[in-house]
């Protein structure tokens, strides 16, 4: 029998499903099934539970990342509108004051910051 070590979750899941299919069939060797039930089945269950928990957490992280991207876009748009308003009301002097309040950064420099730094205007 070839020595094979699965590298990916899909490979591991396939091996688990194939093993389960064999060991639940009437053709399964009785002694080998005892070894499977004693040694492999508990680990397979533990693995499947861990993968399910990982996928749940991964989904939550992906959702929060998307929320962060959306919020970042809203902050960038708000910064753009503030800049336009300040420029319309106060001209170049207002833009210079806005840059000063943002740590000497222009609007484009502020929008390139990470979301946490943007919220504090780079300060």
N, C-alpha and C. Protein backbone atom coordinates (compact mmCIF):
# COMPACT_ATOMS: atom_id res chain seq x y z
N UNK A 1 0.84 -1.18 0.00
CA UNK A 1 0.00 0.00 0.00
C UNK A 1 0.89 1.24 0.00
N UNK A 2 0.52 2.19 -0.77
CA UNK A 2 1.31 3.42 -0.89
C UNK A 2 1.19 4.25 0.38
N UNK A 3 2.27 4.92 0.70
CA UNK A 3 2.27 5.81 1.86
C UNK A 3 1.80 7.18 1.37
N UNK A 4 0.62 7.57 1.77
CA UNK A 4 0.03 8.83 1.30
C UNK A 4 -0.35 9.68 2.49
N UNK A 5 0.06 10.92 2.46
CA UNK A 5 -0.29 11.87 3.52
C UNK A 5 -1.06 13.02 2.87
N UNK A 6 -2.34 13.13 3.16
CA UNK A 6 -3.13 14.20 2.53
C UNK A 6 -2.66 15.58 2.98
N UNK A 7 -2.63 16.48 2.02
CA UNK A 7 -2.18 17.84 2.31
C UNK A 7 -3.33 18.82 2.49
N UNK A 8 -4.47 18.52 1.95
CA UNK A 8 -5.58 19.47 1.95
C UNK A 8 -6.80 18.88 2.66
N UNK A 9 -7.63 19.76 3.18
CA UNK A 9 -8.84 19.33 3.87
C UNK A 9 -9.75 18.50 2.97
N UNK A 10 -9.82 18.86 1.70
CA UNK A 10 -10.67 18.10 0.78
C UNK A 10 -10.18 16.66 0.67
N UNK A 11 -8.86 16.47 0.62
CA UNK A 11 -8.31 15.11 0.58
C UNK A 11 -8.64 14.35 1.85
N UNK A 12 -8.48 15.01 3.00
CA UNK A 12 -8.76 14.36 4.28
C UNK A 12 -10.25 13.98 4.36
N UNK A 13 -11.10 14.88 3.95
CA UNK A 13 -12.54 14.60 3.99
C UNK A 13 -12.90 13.44 3.08
N UNK A 14 -12.28 13.39 1.91
CA UNK A 14 -12.53 12.28 0.99
C UNK A 14 -12.10 10.95 1.60
N UNK A 15 -10.92 10.92 2.20
CA UNK A 15 -10.44 9.70 2.84
C UNK A 15 -11.39 9.28 3.96
N UNK A 16 -11.83 10.23 4.76
CA UNK A 16 -12.77 9.91 5.84
C UNK A 16 -14.07 9.32 5.30
N UNK A 17 -14.59 9.92 4.24
CA UNK A 17 -15.84 9.44 3.66
C UNK A 17 -15.68 8.04 3.05
N UNK A 18 -14.55 7.81 2.39
CA UNK A 18 -14.30 6.49 1.81
C UNK A 18 -14.15 5.43 2.91
N UNK A 19 -13.42 5.78 3.96
CA UNK A 19 -13.24 4.84 5.08
C UNK A 19 -14.58 4.53 5.72
N UNK A 20 -15.37 5.58 5.96
CA UNK A 20 -16.68 5.38 6.57
C UNK A 20 -17.56 4.50 5.68
N UNK A 21 -17.51 4.75 4.39
CA UNK A 21 -18.29 3.94 3.44
C UNK A 21 -17.89 2.47 3.51
N UNK A 22 -16.61 2.22 3.59
CA UNK A 22 -16.14 0.83 3.67
C UNK A 22 -16.54 0.20 5.00
N UNK A 23 -16.26 0.87 6.10
CA UNK A 23 -16.48 0.27 7.41
C UNK A 23 -17.95 0.16 7.81
N UNK A 24 -18.83 0.80 7.09
CA UNK A 24 -20.26 0.63 7.35
C UNK A 24 -20.88 -0.36 6.37
N UNK A 25 -20.08 -0.88 5.45
CA UNK A 25 -20.60 -1.85 4.48
C UNK A 25 -20.51 -3.27 5.05
N UNK A 26 -21.31 -4.17 4.55
CA UNK A 26 -21.25 -5.56 5.03
C UNK A 26 -19.95 -6.26 4.62
N UNK A 27 -19.21 -5.71 3.67
CA UNK A 27 -17.97 -6.31 3.19
C UNK A 27 -16.77 -5.99 4.06
N UNK A 28 -16.94 -5.12 5.06
CA UNK A 28 -15.81 -4.69 5.88
C UNK A 28 -15.26 -5.87 6.69
N UNK A 29 -13.95 -5.96 6.73
CA UNK A 29 -13.28 -6.98 7.54
C UNK A 29 -13.57 -6.70 9.01
N UNK A 30 -14.03 -7.69 9.75
CA UNK A 30 -14.47 -7.50 11.14
C UNK A 30 -13.33 -7.05 12.05
N UNK A 31 -12.16 -7.66 11.91
CA UNK A 31 -11.04 -7.26 12.77
C UNK A 31 -10.55 -5.86 12.43
N UNK A 32 -10.50 -5.58 11.14
CA UNK A 32 -10.07 -4.25 10.72
C UNK A 32 -11.08 -3.19 11.18
N UNK A 33 -12.39 -3.55 11.16
CA UNK A 33 -13.41 -2.61 11.63
C UNK A 33 -13.23 -2.32 13.12
N UNK A 34 -12.84 -3.33 13.92
CA UNK A 34 -12.59 -3.10 15.34
C UNK A 34 -11.44 -2.11 15.53
N UNK A 35 -10.40 -2.26 14.74
CA UNK A 35 -9.26 -1.32 14.83
C UNK A 35 -9.72 0.08 14.42
N UNK A 36 -10.51 0.14 13.36
CA UNK A 36 -11.04 1.43 12.91
C UNK A 36 -11.89 2.07 14.00
N UNK A 37 -12.82 1.32 14.56
CA UNK A 37 -13.72 1.86 15.59
C UNK A 37 -12.95 2.33 16.82
N UNK A 38 -11.91 1.59 17.20
CA UNK A 38 -11.16 1.91 18.40
C UNK A 38 -10.16 3.07 18.18
N UNK A 39 -9.49 3.07 17.03
CA UNK A 39 -8.38 4.00 16.83
C UNK A 39 -8.69 5.16 15.90
N UNK A 40 -9.40 4.89 14.84
CA UNK A 40 -9.55 5.92 13.80
C UNK A 40 -10.84 6.70 13.92
N UNK A 41 -11.94 6.03 14.21
CA UNK A 41 -13.25 6.70 14.23
C UNK A 41 -13.30 7.89 15.21
N UNK A 42 -12.77 7.75 16.46
CA UNK A 42 -12.81 8.92 17.35
C UNK A 42 -12.01 10.11 16.80
N UNK A 43 -10.86 9.82 16.18
CA UNK A 43 -10.06 10.90 15.60
C UNK A 43 -10.77 11.53 14.40
N UNK A 44 -11.44 10.70 13.62
CA UNK A 44 -12.18 11.22 12.47
C UNK A 44 -13.30 12.14 12.92
N UNK A 45 -13.99 11.75 13.98
CA UNK A 45 -15.06 12.59 14.52
C UNK A 45 -14.50 13.91 15.05
N UNK A 46 -13.40 13.80 15.78
CA UNK A 46 -12.76 15.00 16.32
C UNK A 46 -12.31 15.93 15.19
N UNK A 47 -11.76 15.35 14.13
CA UNK A 47 -11.32 16.14 12.98
C UNK A 47 -12.50 16.84 12.32
N UNK A 48 -13.58 16.11 12.08
CA UNK A 48 -14.75 16.71 11.43
C UNK A 48 -15.33 17.84 12.27
N UNK A 49 -15.36 17.67 13.59
CA UNK A 49 -15.87 18.73 14.47
C UNK A 49 -14.95 19.95 14.43
N UNK A 50 -13.64 19.70 14.41
CA UNK A 50 -12.68 20.81 14.35
C UNK A 50 -12.79 21.56 13.03
N UNK A 51 -12.95 20.83 11.93
CA UNK A 51 -13.10 21.46 10.62
C UNK A 51 -14.39 22.28 10.57
N UNK A 52 -15.47 21.75 11.13
CA UNK A 52 -16.74 22.49 11.16
C UNK A 52 -16.59 23.78 11.96
N UNK A 53 -15.91 23.70 13.10
CA UNK A 53 -15.69 24.90 13.92
C UNK A 53 -14.80 25.89 13.18
N UNK A 54 -13.78 25.39 12.51
CA UNK A 54 -12.88 26.26 11.74
C UNK A 54 -13.66 26.98 10.63
N UNK A 55 -14.50 26.25 9.94
CA UNK A 55 -15.28 26.86 8.84
C UNK A 55 -16.24 27.91 9.37
N UNK A 56 -16.82 27.67 10.54
CA UNK A 56 -17.71 28.66 11.14
C UNK A 56 -16.94 29.94 11.46
N UNK A 57 -15.77 29.77 12.10
CA UNK A 57 -14.96 30.94 12.44
C UNK A 57 -14.46 31.65 11.18
N UNK A 58 -14.09 30.88 10.17
CA UNK A 58 -13.62 31.47 8.92
C UNK A 58 -14.73 32.30 8.27
N UNK A 59 -15.94 31.80 8.33
CA UNK A 59 -17.08 32.53 7.78
C UNK A 59 -17.30 33.84 8.54
N UNK A 60 -17.16 33.78 9.88
CA UNK A 60 -17.32 34.99 10.69
C UNK A 60 -16.22 36.01 10.35
N UNK A 61 -15.00 35.54 10.18
CA UNK A 61 -13.89 36.43 9.83
C UNK A 61 -14.15 37.06 8.47
N UNK A 62 -14.60 36.27 7.51
CA UNK A 62 -14.88 36.80 6.17
C UNK A 62 -15.99 37.85 6.22
N UNK A 63 -17.01 37.59 7.03
CA UNK A 63 -18.11 38.56 7.16
C UNK A 63 -17.60 39.86 7.78
N UNK A 64 -16.81 39.75 8.84
CA UNK A 64 -16.28 40.95 9.48
C UNK A 64 -15.32 41.71 8.56
N UNK A 65 -14.55 40.96 7.78
CA UNK A 65 -13.66 41.62 6.81
C UNK A 65 -14.48 42.41 5.80
N UNK A 66 -15.55 41.79 5.29
CA UNK A 66 -16.40 42.49 4.32
C UNK A 66 -17.04 43.72 4.96
N UNK A 67 -17.47 43.60 6.21
CA UNK A 67 -18.03 44.76 6.92
C UNK A 67 -16.99 45.87 7.05
N UNK A 68 -15.75 45.49 7.32
CA UNK A 68 -14.66 46.46 7.45
C UNK A 68 -14.40 47.16 6.12
N UNK A 69 -14.40 46.39 5.03
CA UNK A 69 -14.19 46.97 3.70
C UNK A 69 -15.31 47.95 3.38
N UNK A 70 -16.55 47.56 3.70
CA UNK A 70 -17.69 48.45 3.46
C UNK A 70 -17.56 49.72 4.29
N UNK A 71 -17.22 49.57 5.57
CA UNK A 71 -17.06 50.73 6.44
C UNK A 71 -15.94 51.63 5.95
N UNK A 72 -14.85 51.03 5.51
CA UNK A 72 -13.73 51.81 5.00
C UNK A 72 -14.16 52.65 3.79
N UNK A 73 -14.95 52.05 2.92
CA UNK A 73 -15.46 52.79 1.76
C UNK A 73 -16.36 53.95 2.17
N UNK A 74 -17.18 53.72 3.19
CA UNK A 74 -18.06 54.80 3.68
C UNK A 74 -17.25 55.93 4.31
N UNK A 75 -16.21 55.55 5.04
CA UNK A 75 -15.34 56.57 5.65
C UNK A 75 -14.63 57.37 4.57
N UNK A 76 -14.14 56.69 3.55
CA UNK A 76 -13.47 57.39 2.44
C UNK A 76 -14.43 58.37 1.76
N UNK A 77 -15.67 57.92 1.53
CA UNK A 77 -16.65 58.80 0.89
C UNK A 77 -17.00 59.98 1.79
N UNK A 78 -17.11 59.74 3.09
CA UNK A 78 -17.39 60.82 4.03
C UNK A 78 -16.24 61.83 4.02
N UNK A 79 -15.01 61.32 4.02
CA UNK A 79 -13.84 62.20 3.97
C UNK A 79 -13.85 63.05 2.69
N UNK A 80 -14.25 62.42 1.58
CA UNK A 80 -14.32 63.15 0.30
C UNK A 80 -15.35 64.27 0.38
N UNK A 81 -16.52 63.95 0.96
CA UNK A 81 -17.58 64.96 1.07
C UNK A 81 -17.18 66.09 2.02
N UNK A 82 -16.50 65.75 3.11
CA UNK A 82 -16.02 66.78 4.03
C UNK A 82 -15.03 67.69 3.32
N UNK A 83 -14.12 67.09 2.57
CA UNK A 83 -13.12 67.88 1.85
C UNK A 83 -13.78 68.82 0.84
N UNK A 84 -14.74 68.30 0.10
CA UNK A 84 -15.45 69.14 -0.87
C UNK A 84 -16.19 70.28 -0.17
N UNK A 85 -16.83 69.97 0.96
CA UNK A 85 -17.56 70.99 1.70
C UNK A 85 -16.62 72.06 2.24
N UNK A 86 -15.51 71.63 2.83
CA UNK A 86 -14.53 72.59 3.37
C UNK A 86 -13.97 73.45 2.25
N UNK A 87 -13.66 72.84 1.13
CA UNK A 87 -13.11 73.60 0.00
C UNK A 87 -14.13 74.61 -0.52
N UNK A 88 -15.40 74.20 -0.62
CA UNK A 88 -16.45 75.09 -1.12
C UNK A 88 -16.68 76.26 -0.17
N UNK A 89 -16.62 76.01 1.14
CA UNK A 89 -16.91 77.05 2.11
C UNK A 89 -15.70 77.92 2.46
N UNK A 90 -14.49 77.30 2.44
CA UNK A 90 -13.34 78.03 2.96
C UNK A 90 -12.15 78.09 2.01
N UNK A 91 -12.26 77.46 0.84
CA UNK A 91 -11.19 77.53 -0.16
C UNK A 91 -9.92 76.81 0.29
N UNK A 92 -8.79 77.24 -0.28
CA UNK A 92 -7.50 76.60 0.00
C UNK A 92 -7.11 76.72 1.48
N UNK A 93 -7.47 77.83 2.10
CA UNK A 93 -7.13 78.00 3.52
C UNK A 93 -7.84 76.93 4.37
N UNK A 94 -9.08 76.62 4.01
CA UNK A 94 -9.82 75.59 4.72
C UNK A 94 -9.21 74.20 4.51
N UNK A 95 -8.76 73.94 3.27
CA UNK A 95 -8.12 72.65 2.99
C UNK A 95 -6.81 72.51 3.76
N UNK A 96 -6.06 73.59 3.85
CA UNK A 96 -4.80 73.56 4.63
C UNK A 96 -5.09 73.27 6.10
N UNK A 97 -6.14 73.89 6.64
CA UNK A 97 -6.51 73.65 8.04
C UNK A 97 -6.97 72.20 8.24
N UNK A 98 -7.73 71.68 7.28
CA UNK A 98 -8.18 70.29 7.35
C UNK A 98 -6.97 69.34 7.33
N UNK A 99 -6.00 69.62 6.47
CA UNK A 99 -4.77 68.82 6.42
C UNK A 99 -4.04 68.89 7.77
N UNK A 100 -3.99 70.08 8.34
CA UNK A 100 -3.33 70.23 9.64
C UNK A 100 -4.02 69.38 10.70
N UNK A 101 -5.37 69.41 10.69
CA UNK A 101 -6.14 68.61 11.64
C UNK A 101 -5.94 67.11 11.43
N UNK A 102 -5.56 66.74 10.22
CA UNK A 102 -5.33 65.33 9.89
C UNK A 102 -3.85 64.99 9.94
N UNK A 103 -3.12 65.66 10.78
CA UNK A 103 -1.71 65.33 10.96
C UNK A 103 -0.84 65.70 9.79
N UNK A 104 -1.24 66.71 9.03
CA UNK A 104 -0.47 67.13 7.87
C UNK A 104 -0.71 66.27 6.64
N UNK A 105 -1.73 65.43 6.68
CA UNK A 105 -2.02 64.53 5.57
C UNK A 105 -3.12 65.10 4.68
N UNK A 106 -2.94 64.88 3.37
CA UNK A 106 -4.00 65.24 2.42
C UNK A 106 -5.10 64.20 2.50
N UNK A 107 -6.22 64.50 1.85
CA UNK A 107 -7.34 63.53 1.85
C UNK A 107 -6.91 62.21 1.25
N UNK A 108 -6.16 62.22 0.17
CA UNK A 108 -5.74 60.96 -0.46
C UNK A 108 -4.80 60.18 0.46
N UNK A 109 -3.98 60.89 1.22
CA UNK A 109 -3.10 60.20 2.17
C UNK A 109 -3.91 59.59 3.31
N UNK A 110 -4.93 60.29 3.76
CA UNK A 110 -5.78 59.77 4.84
C UNK A 110 -6.54 58.54 4.37
N UNK A 111 -7.08 58.56 3.15
CA UNK A 111 -7.87 57.42 2.68
C UNK A 111 -7.02 56.18 2.43
N UNK A 112 -5.72 56.34 2.32
CA UNK A 112 -4.84 55.17 2.16
C UNK A 112 -4.46 54.54 3.50
N UNK A 113 -4.77 55.21 4.60
CA UNK A 113 -4.48 54.66 5.93
C UNK A 113 -5.41 53.49 6.22
N UNK A 114 -5.06 52.67 7.23
CA UNK A 114 -6.00 51.61 7.62
C UNK A 114 -7.19 52.27 8.31
N UNK A 115 -8.26 51.52 8.44
CA UNK A 115 -9.52 52.08 8.92
C UNK A 115 -9.39 52.71 10.31
N UNK A 116 -8.62 52.10 11.19
CA UNK A 116 -8.47 52.65 12.54
C UNK A 116 -7.78 54.01 12.53
N UNK A 117 -6.78 54.15 11.68
CA UNK A 117 -6.07 55.42 11.57
C UNK A 117 -6.94 56.46 10.87
N UNK A 118 -7.74 56.02 9.92
CA UNK A 118 -8.64 56.95 9.24
C UNK A 118 -9.64 57.54 10.22
N UNK A 119 -10.15 56.70 11.11
CA UNK A 119 -11.15 57.18 12.06
C UNK A 119 -10.62 58.27 12.97
N UNK A 120 -9.32 58.26 13.22
CA UNK A 120 -8.73 59.30 14.05
C UNK A 120 -8.00 60.32 13.17
N UNK A 121 -8.26 60.26 11.87
CA UNK A 121 -7.67 61.20 10.90
C UNK A 121 -6.14 61.09 10.93
N UNK A 122 -5.65 59.89 11.16
CA UNK A 122 -4.21 59.67 11.11
C UNK A 122 -3.46 60.08 12.36
N UNK A 123 -4.20 60.48 13.37
CA UNK A 123 -3.54 60.97 14.58
C UNK A 123 -3.30 59.94 15.53
